[in-house]
C-alpha atoms as a PDB file:
ATOM      1  CA  UNK A   1      32.377 -16.460 -18.464  1.00  0.00           C
ATOM      2  CA  UNK A   2      36.042 -15.827 -18.983  1.00  0.00           C
ATOM      3  CA  UNK A   3      36.606 -12.746 -21.132  1.00  0.00           C
ATOM      4  CA  UNK A   4      40.068 -12.648 -22.510  1.00  0.00           C
ATOM      5  CA  UNK A   5      39.995  -8.780 -22.912  1.00  0.00           C
ATOM      6  CA  UNK A   6      42.299  -7.117 -20.398  1.00  0.00           C
ATOM      7  CA  UNK A   7      40.554  -4.650 -18.037  1.00  0.00           C
ATOM      8  CA  UNK A   8      42.765  -1.893 -16.867  1.00  0.00           C
ATOM      9  CA  UNK A   9      42.115   0.804 -14.386  1.00  0.00           C
ATOM     10  CA  UNK A  10      44.109   4.030 -14.599  1.00  0.00           C
ATOM     11  CA  UNK A  11      44.258   6.248 -11.487  1.00  0.00           C
ATOM     12  CA  UNK A  12      45.693   9.742 -11.747  1.00  0.00           C
ATOM     13  CA  UNK A  13      44.700  13.086 -10.156  1.00  0.00           C
ATOM     14  CA  UNK A  14      45.771  14.836 -13.310  1.00  0.00           C
ATOM     15  CA  UNK A  15      42.977  14.727 -15.781  1.00  0.00           C
ATOM     16  CA  UNK A  16      45.443  15.723 -18.588  1.00  0.00           C
ATOM     17  CA  UNK A  17      47.426  12.568 -17.986  1.00  0.00           C
ATOM     18  CA  UNK A  18      44.209  10.508 -18.089  1.00  0.00           C
ATOM     19  CA  UNK A  19      43.126  12.255 -21.216  1.00  0.00           C
ATOM     20  CA  UNK A  20      46.495  11.600 -22.938  1.00  0.00           C
ATOM     21  CA  UNK A  21      46.261   7.853 -21.911  1.00  0.00           C
ATOM     22  CA  UNK A  22      42.784   7.690 -23.385  1.00  0.00           C
ATOM     23  CA  UNK A  23      44.087   9.033 -26.679  1.00  0.00           C
ATOM     24  CA  UNK A  24      47.040   6.679 -26.628  1.00  0.00           C
ATOM     25  CA  UNK A  25      44.924   3.681 -25.992  1.00  0.00           C
ATOM     26  CA  UNK A  26      41.814   4.394 -28.046  1.00  0.00           C
ATOM     27  CA  UNK A  27      42.581   1.819 -30.700  1.00  0.00           C
ATOM     28  CA  UNK A  28      43.450  -0.975 -28.302  1.00  0.00           C
ATOM     29  CA  UNK A  29      41.065  -3.842 -27.559  1.00  0.00           C
ATOM     30  CA  UNK A  30      41.533  -3.440 -23.769  1.00  0.00           C
ATOM     31  CA  UNK A  31      38.609  -2.212 -21.581  1.00  0.00           C
ATOM     32  CA  UNK A  32      39.979   0.872 -19.923  1.00  0.00           C
ATOM     33  CA  UNK A  33      38.652   2.830 -17.001  1.00  0.00           C
ATOM     34  CA  UNK A  34      39.812   6.131 -15.848  1.00  0.00           C
ATOM     35  CA  UNK A  35      39.396   7.634 -12.317  1.00  0.00           C
ATOM     36  CA  UNK A  36      40.979  10.635 -10.586  1.00  0.00           C
ATOM     37  CA  UNK A  37      40.969   9.419  -6.941  1.00  0.00           C
ATOM     38  CA  UNK A  38      41.850   6.520  -4.768  1.00  0.00           C
ATOM     39  CA  UNK A  39      38.413   6.257  -3.435  1.00  0.00           C
ATOM     40  CA  UNK A  40      36.953   6.176  -6.938  1.00  0.00           C
ATOM     41  CA  UNK A  41      39.515   3.408  -7.762  1.00  0.00           C
ATOM     42  CA  UNK A  42      38.517   1.332  -4.767  1.00  0.00           C
ATOM     43  CA  UNK A  43      34.801   1.835  -5.524  1.00  0.00           C
ATOM     44  CA  UNK A  44      35.396   0.572  -9.171  1.00  0.00           C
ATOM     45  CA  UNK A  45      37.404  -2.447  -7.974  1.00  0.00           C
ATOM     46  CA  UNK A  46      34.569  -3.355  -5.636  1.00  0.00           C
ATOM     47  CA  UNK A  47      32.018  -3.405  -8.498  1.00  0.00           C
ATOM     48  CA  UNK A  48      34.110  -4.263 -11.594  1.00  0.00           C
ATOM     49  CA  UNK A  49      36.443  -7.079 -12.440  1.00  0.00           C
ATOM     50  CA  UNK A  50      39.933  -5.465 -13.072  1.00  0.00           C
ATOM     51  CA  UNK A  51      43.106  -7.149 -14.184  1.00  0.00           C
ATOM     52  CA  UNK A  52      45.587  -4.319 -13.952  1.00  0.00           C
ATOM     53  CA  UNK A  53      45.850  -1.028 -12.020  1.00  0.00           C
ATOM     54  CA  UNK A  54      48.193   1.720 -13.230  1.00  0.00           C
ATOM     55  CA  UNK A  55      48.262   4.356 -10.566  1.00  0.00           C
ATOM     56  CA  UNK A  56      50.037   7.598  -9.921  1.00  0.00           C
ATOM     57  CA  UNK A  57      52.168   7.655  -6.825  1.00  0.00           C
ATOM     58  CA  UNK A  58      50.398  10.832  -5.592  1.00  0.00           C
ATOM     59  CA  UNK A  59      46.707  11.333  -5.431  1.00  0.00           C
ATOM     60  CA  UNK A  60      44.523  13.974  -3.686  1.00  0.00           C
ATOM     61  CA  UNK A  61      42.838  11.540  -1.309  1.00  0.00           C
ATOM     62  CA  UNK A  62      45.361   8.631  -0.996  1.00  0.00           C
ATOM     63  CA  UNK A  63      49.166   8.135  -0.777  1.00  0.00           C
ATOM     64  CA  UNK A  64      49.814   5.974  -3.941  1.00  0.00           C
ATOM     65  CA  UNK A  65      51.617   3.465  -1.755  1.00  0.00           C
ATOM     66  CA  UNK A  66      48.794   3.171   0.702  1.00  0.00           C
ATOM     67  CA  UNK A  67      46.265   2.675  -2.205  1.00  0.00           C
ATOM     68  CA  UNK A  68      48.500   0.002  -3.874  1.00  0.00           C
ATOM     69  CA  UNK A  69      48.728  -1.764  -0.498  1.00  0.00           C
ATOM     70  CA  UNK A  70      45.061  -1.714  -0.041  1.00  0.00           C
ATOM     71  CA  UNK A  71      44.450  -3.054  -3.577  1.00  0.00           C
ATOM     72  CA  UNK A  72      47.059  -5.820  -2.933  1.00  0.00           C
ATOM     73  CA  UNK A  73      45.384  -6.835   0.409  1.00  0.00           C
ATOM     74  CA  UNK A  74      41.771  -6.779  -0.939  1.00  0.00           C
ATOM     75  CA  UNK A  75      42.404  -7.744  -4.548  1.00  0.00           C
ATOM     76  CA  UNK A  76      45.493  -9.934  -4.658  1.00  0.00           C
ATOM     77  CA  UNK A  77      44.809 -11.164  -8.244  1.00  0.00           C
ATOM     78  CA  UNK A  78      45.143  -7.553  -9.649  1.00  0.00           C
ATOM     79  CA  UNK A  79      48.443  -6.553 -11.134  1.00  0.00           C
ATOM     80  CA  UNK A  80      49.648  -3.153  -9.707  1.00  0.00           C
ATOM     81  CA  UNK A  81      52.010  -0.657 -11.558  1.00  0.00           C
ATOM     82  CA  UNK A  82      53.082   2.828 -10.605  1.00  0.00           C
ATOM     83  CA  UNK A  83      53.175   5.448 -13.280  1.00  0.00           C
ATOM     84  CA  UNK A  84      55.417   8.216 -12.049  1.00  0.00           C
ATOM     85  CA  UNK A  85      57.577  11.191 -12.951  1.00  0.00           C
ATOM     86  CA  UNK A  86      59.948  10.292 -10.083  1.00  0.00           C
ATOM     87  CA  UNK A  87      60.823   6.644 -10.655  1.00  0.00           C
ATOM     88  CA  UNK A  88      63.924   6.912  -8.564  1.00  0.00           C
ATOM     89  CA  UNK A  89      62.292   8.435  -5.494  1.00  0.00           C
ATOM     90  CA  UNK A  90      63.184   6.316  -2.489  1.00  0.00           C
ATOM     91  CA  UNK A  91      59.554   5.636  -1.357  1.00  0.00           C
ATOM     92  CA  UNK A  92      58.726   4.507  -4.890  1.00  0.00           C
ATOM     93  CA  UNK A  93      61.597   2.076  -4.946  1.00  0.00           C
ATOM     94  CA  UNK A  94      60.770   0.881  -1.507  1.00  0.00           C
ATOM     95  CA  UNK A  95      57.152   0.257  -2.473  1.00  0.00           C
ATOM     96  CA  UNK A  96      58.533  -1.982  -5.294  1.00  0.00           C
ATOM     97  CA  UNK A  97      60.959  -3.839  -3.100  1.00  0.00           C
ATOM     98  CA  UNK A  98      58.357  -4.409  -0.439  1.00  0.00           C
ATOM     99  CA  UNK A  99      55.722  -5.666  -2.944  1.00  0.00           C
ATOM    100  CA  UNK A 100      53.132  -2.896  -2.639  1.00  0.00           C
ATOM    101  CA  UNK A 101      53.485  -2.390  -6.441  1.00  0.00           C
ATOM    102  CA  UNK A 102      54.891  -4.872  -8.961  1.00  0.00           C
ATOM    103  CA  UNK A 103      56.283  -2.490 -11.538  1.00  0.00           C
ATOM    104  CA  UNK A 104      57.257   1.124 -12.070  1.00  0.00           C
ATOM    105  CA  UNK A 105      56.778   2.949 -15.327  1.00  0.00           C
ATOM    106  CA  UNK A 106      58.349   6.403 -15.739  1.00  0.00           C
ATOM    107  CA  UNK A 107      56.065   9.160 -17.287  1.00  0.00           C
ATOM    108  CA  UNK A 108      57.801  10.079 -20.593  1.00  0.00           C
ATOM    109  CA  UNK A 109      58.926  13.624 -20.751  1.00  0.00           C
ATOM    110  CA  UNK A 110      58.311  14.374 -17.087  1.00  0.00           C
ATOM    111  CA  UNK A 111      61.022  12.371 -15.381  1.00  0.00           C
ATOM    112  CA  UNK A 112      62.797  14.358 -12.585  1.00  0.00           C
ATOM    113  CA  UNK A 113      65.659  13.143 -10.533  1.00  0.00           C
END
């Protein structure tokens, strides 16, 4: 069965950011899942069909680039996006250039140079 509803996995160690995203997206038709660790994200991906991953660049148990690379290698069909307060950080830009992530979205109101 092909379900046209987008399935999105949000990964951030900051529960406040995840709660804000839940509030922001509550009226959308997408199926959204929210986890606070890289290991929980990988477990979710192994059990659930996911179309899009939106991940923080820093997690307690994973480096964000390492996590995005693992997702790319094991789930190449999943689109990968970084949500970061530091979009101009060299390693974040390098991750985009090298294909570890496919897009960078700055966190509004938290951007630091």
